[in-house]
Amino acid sequence: MEFLPLIAIFAIMYFLMIRPQQKKMRQQRSLVDSLKTGDEVVLNSGIFGVISEVDGDVVWLEVAGDLELKVLRGAVEGRFNDDTNDDDAEEEPEVGLEDDSPIEN
């Protein structure tokens, strides 16, 4: 009975810290495994580019014009050409006057 609070603390730590980290690692692994030529990606270092070739654990990244970088697959942080439901998002209304009449004080 005296170990119950200790077990509860470990359970809380598992659900608040360990499980989300494992989920994030799984997502990163699936992203790295699904890289293909033509993907627009960002590296951990903040460099943006387009994948020109995938060769095992190595990715050739076209950064600018004729400049290509050879990086490890694991250095890819994410894609930046993903369609993230921008079409479904409502546009924010413009703040301003509803008509063109001048403001009277």
PDB file of N, CA and C in Angstrom:
ATOM      1  N   MET A   1       0.815  -1.196   0.000  1.00  0.00           N
ATOM      2  CA  MET A   1       0.000   0.000   0.000  1.00  0.00           C
ATOM      3  C   MET A   1       0.861   1.263   0.000  1.00  0.00           C
ATOM      4  N   GLU A   2       2.037   1.168   0.594  1.00  0.00           N
ATOM      5  CA  GLU A   2       2.890   2.349   0.653  1.00  0.00           C
ATOM      6  C   GLU A   2       3.588   2.625  -0.680  1.00  0.00           C
ATOM      7  N   PHE A   3       3.598   1.642  -1.595  1.00  0.00           N
ATOM      8  CA  PHE A   3       4.202   1.840  -2.909  1.00  0.00           C
ATOM      9  C   PHE A   3       3.212   2.406  -3.926  1.00  0.00           C
ATOM     10  N   LEU A   4       1.954   2.506  -3.565  1.00  0.00           N
ATOM     11  CA  LEU A   4       0.927   2.980  -4.492  1.00  0.00           C
ATOM     12  C   LEU A   4       1.205   4.399  -5.000  1.00  0.00           C
ATOM     13  N   PRO A   5       1.575   5.366  -4.152  1.00  0.00           N
ATOM     14  CA  PRO A   5       1.879   6.705  -4.684  1.00  0.00           C
ATOM     15  C   PRO A   5       3.076   6.704  -5.644  1.00  0.00           C
ATOM     16  N   LEU A   6       4.069   5.879  -5.351  1.00  0.00           N
ATOM     17  CA  LEU A   6       5.236   5.796  -6.221  1.00  0.00           C
ATOM     18  C   LEU A   6       4.863   5.220  -7.588  1.00  0.00           C
ATOM     19  N   ILE A   7       4.034   4.206  -7.592  1.00  0.00           N
ATOM     20  CA  ILE A   7       3.558   3.613  -8.844  1.00  0.00           C
ATOM     21  C   ILE A   7       2.719   4.622  -9.623  1.00  0.00           C
ATOM     22  N   ALA A   8       1.897   5.389  -8.925  1.00  0.00           N
ATOM     23  CA  ALA A   8       1.069   6.408  -9.576  1.00  0.00           C
ATOM     24  C   ALA A   8       1.940   7.485 -10.223  1.00  0.00           C
ATOM     25  N   ILE A   9       3.009   7.883  -9.554  1.00  0.00           N
ATOM     26  CA  ILE A   9       3.912   8.894 -10.110  1.00  0.00           C
ATOM     27  C   ILE A   9       4.569   8.372 -11.384  1.00  0.00           C
ATOM     28  N   PHE A  10       5.025   7.121 -11.376  1.00  0.00           N
ATOM     29  CA  PHE A  10       5.633   6.542 -12.577  1.00  0.00           C
ATOM     30  C   PHE A  10       4.619   6.440 -13.718  1.00  0.00           C
ATOM     31  N   ALA A  11       3.382   6.099 -13.399  1.00  0.00           N
ATOM     32  CA  ALA A  11       2.348   6.012 -14.438  1.00  0.00           C
ATOM     33  C   ALA A  11       2.078   7.381 -15.049  1.00  0.00           C
ATOM     34  N   ILE A  12       2.005   8.398 -14.218  1.00  0.00           N
ATOM     35  CA  ILE A  12       1.772   9.761 -14.710  1.00  0.00           C
ATOM     36  C   ILE A  12       2.939  10.211 -15.581  1.00  0.00           C
ATOM     37  N   MET A  13       4.163   9.942 -15.134  1.00  0.00           N
ATOM     38  CA  MET A  13       5.340  10.317 -15.927  1.00  0.00           C
ATOM     39  C   MET A  13       5.339   9.609 -17.280  1.00  0.00           C
ATOM     40  N   TYR A  14       4.920   8.351 -17.289  1.00  0.00           N
ATOM     41  CA  TYR A  14       4.884   7.597 -18.542  1.00  0.00           C
ATOM     42  C   TYR A  14       3.921   8.241 -19.530  1.00  0.00           C
ATOM     43  N   PHE A  15       2.717   8.573 -19.067  1.00  0.00           N
ATOM     44  CA  PHE A  15       1.707   9.114 -19.979  1.00  0.00           C
ATOM     45  C   PHE A  15       1.962  10.567 -20.354  1.00  0.00           C
ATOM     46  N   LEU A  16       2.660  11.320 -19.517  1.00  0.00           N
ATOM     47  CA  LEU A  16       2.903  12.726 -19.822  1.00  0.00           C
ATOM     48  C   LEU A  16       4.226  12.980 -20.541  1.00  0.00           C
ATOM     49  N   MET A  17       5.194  12.085 -20.365  1.00  0.00           N
ATOM     50  CA  MET A  17       6.510  12.360 -20.935  1.00  0.00           C
ATOM     51  C   MET A  17       6.974  11.302 -21.939  1.00  0.00           C
ATOM     52  N   ILE A  18       6.905  10.064 -21.582  1.00  0.00           N
ATOM     53  CA  ILE A  18       7.509   9.016 -22.397  1.00  0.00           C
ATOM     54  C   ILE A  18       6.670   8.695 -23.626  1.00  0.00           C
ATOM     55  N   ARG A  19       5.368   8.520 -23.465  1.00  0.00           N
ATOM     56  CA  ARG A  19       4.518   8.167 -24.613  1.00  0.00           C
ATOM     57  C   ARG A  19       4.515   9.236 -25.697  1.00  0.00           C
ATOM     58  N   PRO A  20       4.362  10.529 -25.361  1.00  0.00           N
ATOM     59  CA  PRO A  20       4.407  11.537 -26.430  1.00  0.00           C
ATOM     60  C   PRO A  20       5.751  11.556 -27.169  1.00  0.00           C
ATOM     61  N   GLN A  21       6.840  11.331 -26.437  1.00  0.00           N
ATOM     62  CA  GLN A  21       8.150  11.302 -27.076  1.00  0.00           C
ATOM     63  C   GLN A  21       8.268  10.118 -28.032  1.00  0.00           C
ATOM     64  N   GLN A  22       7.748   8.963 -27.625  1.00  0.00           N
ATOM     65  CA  GLN A  22       7.780   7.793 -28.500  1.00  0.00           C
ATOM     66  C   GLN A  22       6.945   8.022 -29.752  1.00  0.00           C
ATOM     67  N   LYS A  23       5.799   8.685 -29.603  1.00  0.00           N
ATOM     68  CA  LYS A  23       4.937   8.983 -30.747  1.00  0.00           C
ATOM     69  C   LYS A  23       5.654   9.919 -31.722  1.00  0.00           C
ATOM     70  N   LYS A  24       6.337  10.926 -31.182  1.00  0.00           N
ATOM     71  CA  LYS A  24       7.068  11.863 -32.021  1.00  0.00           C
ATOM     72  C   LYS A  24       8.208  11.152 -32.754  1.00  0.00           C
ATOM     73  N   MET A  25       8.900  10.238 -32.075  1.00  0.00           N
ATOM     74  CA  MET A  25       9.981   9.486 -32.708  1.00  0.00           C
ATOM     75  C   MET A  25       9.450   8.601 -33.832  1.00  0.00           C
ATOM     76  N   ARG A  26       8.272   7.982 -33.616  1.00  0.00           N
ATOM     77  CA  ARG A  26       7.661   7.151 -34.655  1.00  0.00           C
ATOM     78  C   ARG A  26       7.311   7.982 -35.881  1.00  0.00           C
ATOM     79  N   GLN A  27       6.750   9.175 -35.658  1.00  0.00           N
ATOM     80  CA  GLN A  27       6.391  10.053 -36.771  1.00  0.00           C
ATOM     81  C   GLN A  27       7.631  10.493 -37.543  1.00  0.00           C
ATOM     82  N   GLN A  28       8.705  10.822 -36.821  1.00  0.00           N
ATOM     83  CA  GLN A  28       9.947  11.239 -37.474  1.00  0.00           C
ATOM     84  C   GLN A  28      10.535  10.098 -38.295  1.00  0.00           C
ATOM     85  N   ARG A  29      10.488   8.888 -37.750  1.00  0.00           N
ATOM     86  CA  ARG A  29      11.015   7.718 -38.462  1.00  0.00           C
ATOM     87  C   ARG A  29      10.220   7.474 -39.743  1.00  0.00           C
ATOM     88  N   SER A  30       8.890   7.595 -39.668  1.00  0.00           N
ATOM     89  CA  SER A  30       8.079   7.372 -40.871  1.00  0.00           C
ATOM     90  C   SER A  30       8.321   8.474 -41.904  1.00  0.00           C
ATOM     91  N   LEU A  31       8.557   9.701 -41.446  1.00  0.00           N
ATOM     92  CA  LEU A  31       8.877  10.795 -42.362  1.00  0.00           C
ATOM     93  C   LEU A  31      10.186  10.510 -43.086  1.00  0.00           C
ATOM     94  N   VAL A  32      11.206  10.134 -42.341  1.00  0.00           N
ATOM     95  CA  VAL A  32      12.520   9.869 -42.933  1.00  0.00           C
ATOM     96  C   VAL A  32      12.444   8.694 -43.901  1.00  0.00           C
ATOM     97  N   ASP A  33      11.671   7.676 -43.562  1.00  0.00           N
ATOM     98  CA  ASP A  33      11.544   6.509 -44.438  1.00  0.00           C
ATOM     99  C   ASP A  33      10.778   6.820 -45.722  1.00  0.00           C
ATOM    100  N   SER A  34       9.932   7.851 -45.702  1.00  0.00           N
ATOM    101  CA  SER A  34       9.100   8.149 -46.867  1.00  0.00           C
ATOM    102  C   SER A  34       9.683   9.240 -47.768  1.00  0.00           C
ATOM    103  N   LEU A  35      10.916   9.673 -47.515  1.00  0.00           N
ATOM    104  CA  LEU A  35      11.521  10.713 -48.346  1.00  0.00           C
ATOM    105  C   LEU A  35      11.719  10.215 -49.769  1.00  0.00           C
ATOM    106  N   LYS A  36      11.442  11.116 -50.727  1.00  0.00           N
ATOM    107  CA  LYS A  36      11.622  10.754 -52.130  1.00  0.00           C
ATOM    108  C   LYS A  36      12.081  11.980 -52.909  1.00  0.00           C
ATOM    109  N   THR A  37      12.544  11.753 -54.098  1.00  0.00           N
ATOM    110  CA  THR A  37      13.030  12.825 -54.960  1.00  0.00           C
ATOM    111  C   THR A  37      11.913  13.835 -55.217  1.00  0.00           C
ATOM    112  N   GLY A  38      12.253  15.112 -55.101  1.00  0.00           N
ATOM    113  CA  GLY A  38      11.286  16.175 -55.346  1.00  0.00           C
ATOM    114  C   GLY A  38      10.648  16.734 -54.091  1.00  0.00           C
ATOM    115  N   ASP A  39      10.834  16.078 -52.947  1.00  0.00           N
ATOM    116  CA  ASP A  39      10.274  16.589 -51.693  1.00  0.00           C
ATOM    117  C   ASP A  39      11.013  17.852 -51.270  1.00  0.00           C
ATOM    118  N   GLU A  40      10.256  18.847 -50.846  1.00  0.00           N
ATOM    119  CA  GLU A  40      10.846  20.061 -50.290  1.00  0.00           C
ATOM    120  C   GLU A  40      10.944  19.853 -48.789  1.00  0.00           C
ATOM    121  N   VAL A  41      12.168  19.933 -48.260  1.00  0.00           N
ATOM    122  CA  VAL A  41      12.392  19.599 -46.861  1.00  0.00           C
ATOM    123  C   VAL A  41      13.187  20.694 -46.163  1.00  0.00           C
ATOM    124  N   VAL A  42      13.173  20.618 -44.837  1.00  0.00           N
ATOM    125  CA  VAL A  42      14.009  21.481 -44.006  1.00  0.00           C
ATOM    126  C   VAL A  42      14.846  20.567 -43.120  1.00  0.00           C
ATOM    127  N   LEU A  43      16.120  20.908 -42.984  1.00  0.00           N
ATOM    128  CA  LEU A  43      17.035  20.121 -42.169  1.00  0.00           C
ATOM    129  C   LEU A  43      17.006  20.603 -40.722  1.00  0.00           C
ATOM    130  N   ASN A  44      17.597  19.819 -39.830  1.00  0.00           N
ATOM    131  CA  ASN A  44      17.694  20.205 -38.423  1.00  0.00           C
ATOM    132  C   ASN A  44      18.427  21.528 -38.255  1.00  0.00           C
ATOM    133  N   SER A  45      19.331  21.819 -39.166  1.00  0.00           N
ATOM    134  CA  SER A  45      20.121  23.048 -39.091  1.00  0.00           C
ATOM    135  C   SER A  45      19.371  24.261 -39.620  1.00  0.00           C
ATOM    136  N   GLY A  46      18.187  24.048 -40.198  1.00  0.00           N
ATOM    137  CA  GLY A  46      17.391  25.154 -40.715  1.00  0.00           C
ATOM    138  C   GLY A  46      17.578  25.398 -42.200  1.00  0.00           C
ATOM    139  N   ILE A  47      18.318  24.557 -42.875  1.00  0.00           N
ATOM    140  CA  ILE A  47      18.538  24.706 -44.315  1.00  0.00           C
ATOM    141  C   ILE A  47      17.355  24.108 -45.068  1.00  0.00           C
ATOM    142  N   PHE A  48      16.820  24.878 -46.019  1.00  0.00           N
ATOM    143  CA  PHE A  48      15.712  24.429 -46.848  1.00  0.00           C
ATOM    144  C   PHE A  48      16.251  23.978 -48.199  1.00  0.00           C
ATOM    145  N   GLY A  49      15.607  22.981 -48.791  1.00  0.00           N
ATOM    146  CA  GLY A  49      16.025  22.536 -50.109  1.00  0.00           C
ATOM    147  C   GLY A  49      15.089  21.491 -50.671  1.00  0.00           C
ATOM    148  N   VAL A  50      15.399  21.057 -51.884  1.00  0.00           N
ATOM    149  CA  VAL A  50      14.611  20.049 -52.588  1.00  0.00           C
ATOM    150  C   VAL A  50      15.489  18.811 -52.762  1.00  0.00           C
ATOM    151  N   ILE A  51      14.938  17.653 -52.444  1.00  0.00           N
ATOM    152  CA  ILE A  51      15.692  16.412 -52.573  1.00  0.00           C
ATOM    153  C   ILE A  51      15.861  16.092 -54.054  1.00  0.00           C
ATOM    154  N   SER A  52      17.125  15.946 -54.471  1.00  0.00           N
ATOM    155  CA  SER A  52      17.393  15.614 -55.870  1.00  0.00           C
ATOM    156  C   SER A  52      17.727  14.139 -56.045  1.00  0.00           C
ATOM    157  N   GLU A  53      18.172  13.479 -54.966  1.00  0.00           N
ATOM    158  CA  GLU A  53      18.495  12.056 -55.059  1.00  0.00           C
ATOM    159  C   GLU A  53      18.485  11.453 -53.659  1.00  0.00           C
ATOM    160  N   VAL A  54      17.971  10.230 -53.557  1.00  0.00           N
ATOM    161  CA  VAL A  54      17.988   9.482 -52.303  1.00  0.00           C
ATOM    162  C   VAL A  54      18.795   8.216 -52.547  1.00  0.00           C
ATOM    163  N   ASP A  55      19.847   8.023 -51.737  1.00  0.00           N
ATOM    164  CA  ASP A  55      20.738   6.875 -51.914  1.00  0.00           C
ATOM    165  C   ASP A  55      21.004   6.243 -50.549  1.00  0.00           C
ATOM    166  N   GLY A  56      20.148   5.310 -50.152  1.00  0.00           N
ATOM    167  CA  GLY A  56      20.306   4.658 -48.853  1.00  0.00           C
ATOM    168  C   GLY A  56      20.073   5.633 -47.712  1.00  0.00           C
ATOM    169  N   ASP A  57      21.087   5.807 -46.871  1.00  0.00           N
ATOM    170  CA  ASP A  57      20.977   6.738 -45.745  1.00  0.00           C
ATOM    171  C   ASP A  57      21.417   8.149 -46.108  1.00  0.00           C
ATOM    172  N   VAL A  58      21.781   8.362 -47.366  1.00  0.00           N
ATOM    173  CA  VAL A  58      22.265   9.662 -47.815  1.00  0.00           C
ATOM    174  C   VAL A  58      21.224  10.307 -48.722  1.00  0.00           C
ATOM    175  N   VAL A  59      21.046  11.615 -48.539  1.00  0.00           N
ATOM    176  CA  VAL A  59      20.114  12.393 -49.356  1.00  0.00           C
ATOM    177  C   VAL A  59      20.898  13.538 -49.984  1.00  0.00           C
ATOM    178  N   TRP A  60      20.732  13.718 -51.288  1.00  0.00           N
ATOM    179  CA  TRP A  60      21.322  14.862 -51.972  1.00  0.00           C
ATOM    180  C   TRP A  60      20.266  15.950 -52.030  1.00  0.00           C
ATOM    181  N   LEU A  61      20.602  17.106 -51.465  1.00  0.00           N
ATOM    182  CA  LEU A  61      19.652  18.201 -51.316  1.00  0.00           C
ATOM    183  C   LEU A  61      20.082  19.376 -52.183  1.00  0.00           C
ATOM    184  N   GLU A  62      19.214  19.769 -53.126  1.00  0.00           N
ATOM    185  CA  GLU A  62      19.496  20.933 -53.960  1.00  0.00           C
ATOM    186  C   GLU A  62      19.068  22.176 -53.191  1.00  0.00           C
ATOM    187  N   VAL A  63      20.044  23.004 -52.859  1.00  0.00           N
ATOM    188  CA  VAL A  63      19.784  24.171 -52.024  1.00  0.00           C
ATOM    189  C   VAL A  63      19.569  25.415 -52.872  1.00  0.00           C
ATOM    190  N   ALA A  64      20.451  25.633 -53.842  1.00  0.00           N
ATOM    191  CA  ALA A  64      20.328  26.802 -54.701  1.00  0.00           C
ATOM    192  C   ALA A  64      20.985  26.497 -56.038  1.00  0.00           C
ATOM    193  N   GLY A  65      20.279  26.768 -57.103  1.00  0.00           N
ATOM    194  CA  GLY A  65      20.843  26.604 -58.436  1.00  0.00           C
ATOM    195  C   GLY A  65      21.621  25.317 -58.606  1.00  0.00           C
ATOM    196  N   ASP A  66      22.944  25.437 -58.691  1.00  0.00           N
ATOM    197  CA  ASP A  66      23.809  24.277 -58.898  1.00  0.00           C
ATOM    198  C   ASP A  66      24.407  23.751 -57.596  1.00  0.00           C
ATOM    199  N   LEU A  67      23.984  24.255 -56.469  1.00  0.00           N
ATOM    200  CA  LEU A  67      24.553  23.861 -55.180  1.00  0.00           C
ATOM    201  C   LEU A  67      23.766  22.703 -54.581  1.00  0.00           C
ATOM    202  N   GLU A  68      24.456  21.574 -54.382  1.00  0.00           N
ATOM    203  CA  GLU A  68      23.831  20.408 -53.762  1.00  0.00           C
ATOM    204  C   GLU A  68      24.604  20.030 -52.512  1.00  0.00           C
ATOM    205  N   LEU A  69      23.876  19.629 -51.482  1.00  0.00           N
ATOM    206  CA  LEU A  69      24.480  19.176 -50.237  1.00  0.00           C
ATOM    207  C   LEU A  69      24.223  17.691 -50.062  1.00  0.00           C
ATOM    208  N   LYS A  70      25.201  17.001 -49.520  1.00  0.00           N
ATOM    209  CA  LYS A  70      25.062  15.583 -49.201  1.00  0.00           C
ATOM    210  C   LYS A  70      24.826  15.499 -47.695  1.00  0.00           C
ATOM    211  N   VAL A  71      23.633  15.031 -47.300  1.00  0.00           N
ATOM    212  CA  VAL A  71      23.281  14.973 -45.880  1.00  0.00           C
ATOM    213  C   VAL A  71      22.713  13.593 -45.553  1.00  0.00           C
ATOM    214  N   LEU A  72      22.723  13.268 -44.291  1.00  0.00           N
ATOM    215  CA  LEU A  72      22.113  12.022 -43.841  1.00  0.00           C
ATOM    216  C   LEU A  72      20.603  12.171 -43.797  1.00  0.00           C
ATOM    217  N   ARG A  73      19.901  11.085 -44.017  1.00  0.00           N
ATOM    218  CA  ARG A  73      18.433  11.108 -43.947  1.00  0.00           C
ATOM    219  C   ARG A  73      17.954  11.619 -42.591  1.00  0.00           C
ATOM    220  N   GLY A  74      18.656  11.229 -41.541  1.00  0.00           N
ATOM    221  CA  GLY A  74      18.259  11.613 -40.187  1.00  0.00           C
ATOM    222  C   GLY A  74      18.336  13.101 -39.925  1.00  0.00           C
ATOM    223  N   ALA A  75      19.030  13.849 -40.787  1.00  0.00           N
ATOM    224  CA  ALA A  75      19.145  15.294 -40.613  1.00  0.00           C
ATOM    225  C   ALA A  75      17.896  16.027 -41.081  1.00  0.00           C
ATOM    226  N   VAL A  76      17.002  15.325 -41.759  1.00  0.00           N
ATOM    227  CA  VAL A  76      15.779  15.957 -42.259  1.00  0.00           C
ATOM    228  C   VAL A  76      14.794  16.117 -41.106  1.00  0.00           C
ATOM    229  N   GLU A  77      14.413  17.361 -40.852  1.00  0.00           N
ATOM    230  CA  GLU A  77      13.483  17.678 -39.767  1.00  0.00           C
ATOM    231  C   GLU A  77      12.040  17.491 -40.206  1.00  0.00           C
ATOM    232  N   GLY A  78      11.732  17.895 -41.433  1.00  0.00           N
ATOM    233  CA  GLY A  78      10.358  17.759 -41.904  1.00  0.00           C
ATOM    234  C   GLY A  78      10.202  18.287 -43.314  1.00  0.00           C
ATOM    235  N   ARG A  79       8.999  18.136 -43.825  1.00  0.00           N
ATOM    236  CA  ARG A  79       8.666  18.659 -45.151  1.00  0.00           C
ATOM    237  C   ARG A  79       8.048  20.039 -44.975  1.00  0.00           C
ATOM    238  N   PHE A  80       8.227  20.898 -45.954  1.00  0.00           N
ATOM    239  CA  PHE A  80       7.530  22.172 -45.895  1.00  0.00           C
ATOM    240  C   PHE A  80       6.634  22.379 -47.090  1.00  0.00           C
ATOM    241  N   ASN A  81       6.420  21.336 -47.878  1.00  0.00           N
ATOM    242  CA  ASN A  81       5.475  21.437 -48.985  1.00  0.00           C
ATOM    243  C   ASN A  81       4.207  20.652 -48.711  1.00  0.00           C
ATOM    244  N   ASP A  82       3.997  20.242 -47.448  1.00  0.00           N
ATOM    245  CA  ASP A  82       2.790  19.498 -47.107  1.00  0.00           C
ATOM    246  C   ASP A  82       1.572  20.400 -47.235  1.00  0.00           C
ATOM    247  N   ASP A  83       0.494  19.840 -47.779  1.00  0.00           N
ATOM    248  CA  ASP A  83      -0.765  20.570 -47.820  1.00  0.00           C
ATOM    249  C   ASP A  83      -1.433  20.383 -46.470  1.00  0.00           C
ATOM    250  N   THR A  84      -1.534  21.458 -45.711  1.00  0.00           N
ATOM    251  CA  THR A  84      -2.038  21.353 -44.341  1.00  0.00           C
ATOM    252  C   THR A  84      -3.414  21.987 -44.211  1.00  0.00           C
ATOM    253  N   ASN A  85      -4.346  21.515 -45.012  1.00  0.00           N
ATOM    254  CA  ASN A  85      -5.735  21.955 -44.933  1.00  0.00           C
ATOM    255  C   ASN A  85      -5.873  23.471 -44.984  1.00  0.00           C
ATOM    256  N   ASP A  86      -5.033  24.151 -45.757  1.00  0.00           N
ATOM    257  CA  ASP A  86      -5.158  25.590 -45.892  1.00  0.00           C
ATOM    258  C   ASP A  86      -6.417  25.954 -46.671  1.00  0.00           C
ATOM    259  N   ASP A  87      -6.884  25.031 -47.507  1.00  0.00           N
ATOM    260  CA  ASP A  87      -8.081  25.301 -48.286  1.00  0.00           C
ATOM    261  C   ASP A  87      -9.316  25.340 -47.398  1.00  0.00           C
ATOM    262  N   ASP A  88      -9.317  24.513 -46.350  1.00  0.00           N
ATOM    263  CA  ASP A  88     -10.467  24.447 -45.468  1.00  0.00           C
ATOM    264  C   ASP A  88     -10.473  25.554 -44.423  1.00  0.00           C
ATOM    265  N   ALA A  89      -9.338  26.159 -44.190  1.00  0.00           N
ATOM    266  CA  ALA A  89      -9.256  27.196 -43.162  1.00  0.00           C
ATOM    267  C   ALA A  89     -10.002  28.434 -43.640  1.00  0.00           C
ATOM    268  N   GLU A  90     -10.735  29.022 -42.727  1.00  0.00           N
ATOM    269  CA  GLU A  90     -11.468  30.233 -43.060  1.00  0.00           C
ATOM    270  C   GLU A  90     -10.508  31.409 -43.061  1.00  0.00           C
ATOM    271  N   GLU A  91     -10.706  32.299 -44.014  1.00  0.00           N
ATOM    272  CA  GLU A  91      -9.879  33.489 -44.043  1.00  0.00           C
ATOM    273  C   GLU A  91     -10.352  34.441 -42.961  1.00  0.00           C
ATOM    274  N   GLU A  92      -9.381  35.093 -42.322  1.00  0.00           N
ATOM    275  CA  GLU A  92      -9.741  36.057 -41.300  1.00  0.00           C
ATOM    276  C   GLU A  92     -10.281  37.303 -41.982  1.00  0.00           C
ATOM    277  N   PRO A  93     -11.347  37.853 -41.440  1.00  0.00           N
ATOM    278  CA  PRO A  93     -11.889  39.062 -42.052  1.00  0.00           C
ATOM    279  C   PRO A  93     -10.933  40.232 -41.850  1.00  0.00           C
ATOM    280  N   GLU A  94     -10.926  41.125 -42.822  1.00  0.00           N
ATOM    281  CA  GLU A  94     -10.079  42.299 -42.706  1.00  0.00           C
ATOM    282  C   GLU A  94     -10.676  43.245 -41.682  1.00  0.00           C
ATOM    283  N   VAL A  95      -9.807  43.797 -40.872  1.00  0.00           N
ATOM    284  CA  VAL A  95     -10.250  44.747 -39.859  1.00  0.00           C
ATOM    285  C   VAL A  95     -10.311  46.106 -40.523  1.00  0.00           C
ATOM    286  N   GLY A  96     -11.409  46.774 -40.334  1.00  0.00           N
ATOM    287  CA  GLY A  96     -11.545  48.086 -40.942  1.00  0.00           C
ATOM    288  C   GLY A  96     -13.008  48.484 -40.999  1.00  0.00           C
ATOM    289  N   LEU A  97     -13.266  49.513 -41.753  1.00  0.00           N
ATOM    290  CA  LEU A  97     -14.626  50.008 -41.890  1.00  0.00           C
ATOM    291  C   LEU A  97     -15.410  49.107 -42.827  1.00  0.00           C
ATOM    292  N   GLU A  98     -16.697  48.961 -42.521  1.00  0.00           N
ATOM    293  CA  GLU A  98     -17.538  48.152 -43.387  1.00  0.00           C
ATOM    294  C   GLU A  98     -17.888  48.898 -44.664  1.00  0.00           C
ATOM    295  N   ASP A  99     -17.936  50.203 -44.586  1.00  0.00           N
ATOM    296  CA  ASP A  99     -18.167  51.001 -45.781  1.00  0.00           C
ATOM    297  C   ASP A  99     -17.072  52.058 -45.869  1.00  0.00           C
ATOM    298  N   ASP A 100     -17.078  52.811 -46.920  1.00  0.00           N
ATOM    299  CA  ASP A 100     -16.004  53.777 -47.135  1.00  0.00           C
ATOM    300  C   ASP A 100     -16.319  55.149 -46.558  1.00  0.00           C
ATOM    301  N   SER A 101     -17.335  55.247 -45.718  1.00  0.00           N
ATOM    302  CA  SER A 101     -17.690  56.546 -45.157  1.00  0.00           C
ATOM    303  C   SER A 101     -16.675  56.962 -44.097  1.00  0.00           C
ATOM    304  N   PRO A 102     -16.402  58.254 -43.984  1.00  0.00           N
ATOM    305  CA  PRO A 102     -15.435  58.733 -42.991  1.00  0.00           C
ATOM    306  C   PRO A 102     -15.974  58.561 -41.566  1.00  0.00           C
ATOM    307  N   ILE A 103     -15.076  58.480 -40.623  1.00  0.00           N
ATOM    308  CA  ILE A 103     -15.456  58.340 -39.216  1.00  0.00           C
ATOM    309  C   ILE A 103     -15.805  59.714 -38.678  1.00  0.00           C
ATOM    310  N   GLU A 104     -16.952  59.775 -37.996  1.00  0.00           N
ATOM    311  CA  GLU A 104     -17.374  61.044 -37.406  1.00  0.00           C
ATOM    312  C   GLU A 104     -17.229  60.960 -35.903  1.00  0.00           C
ATOM    313  N   ASN A 105     -16.726  62.014 -35.298  1.00  0.00           N
ATOM    314  CA  ASN A 105     -16.562  62.057 -33.840  1.00  0.00           C
ATOM    315  C   ASN A 105     -17.655  62.820 -33.195  1.00  0.00           C
TER     316      ASN A 105
END
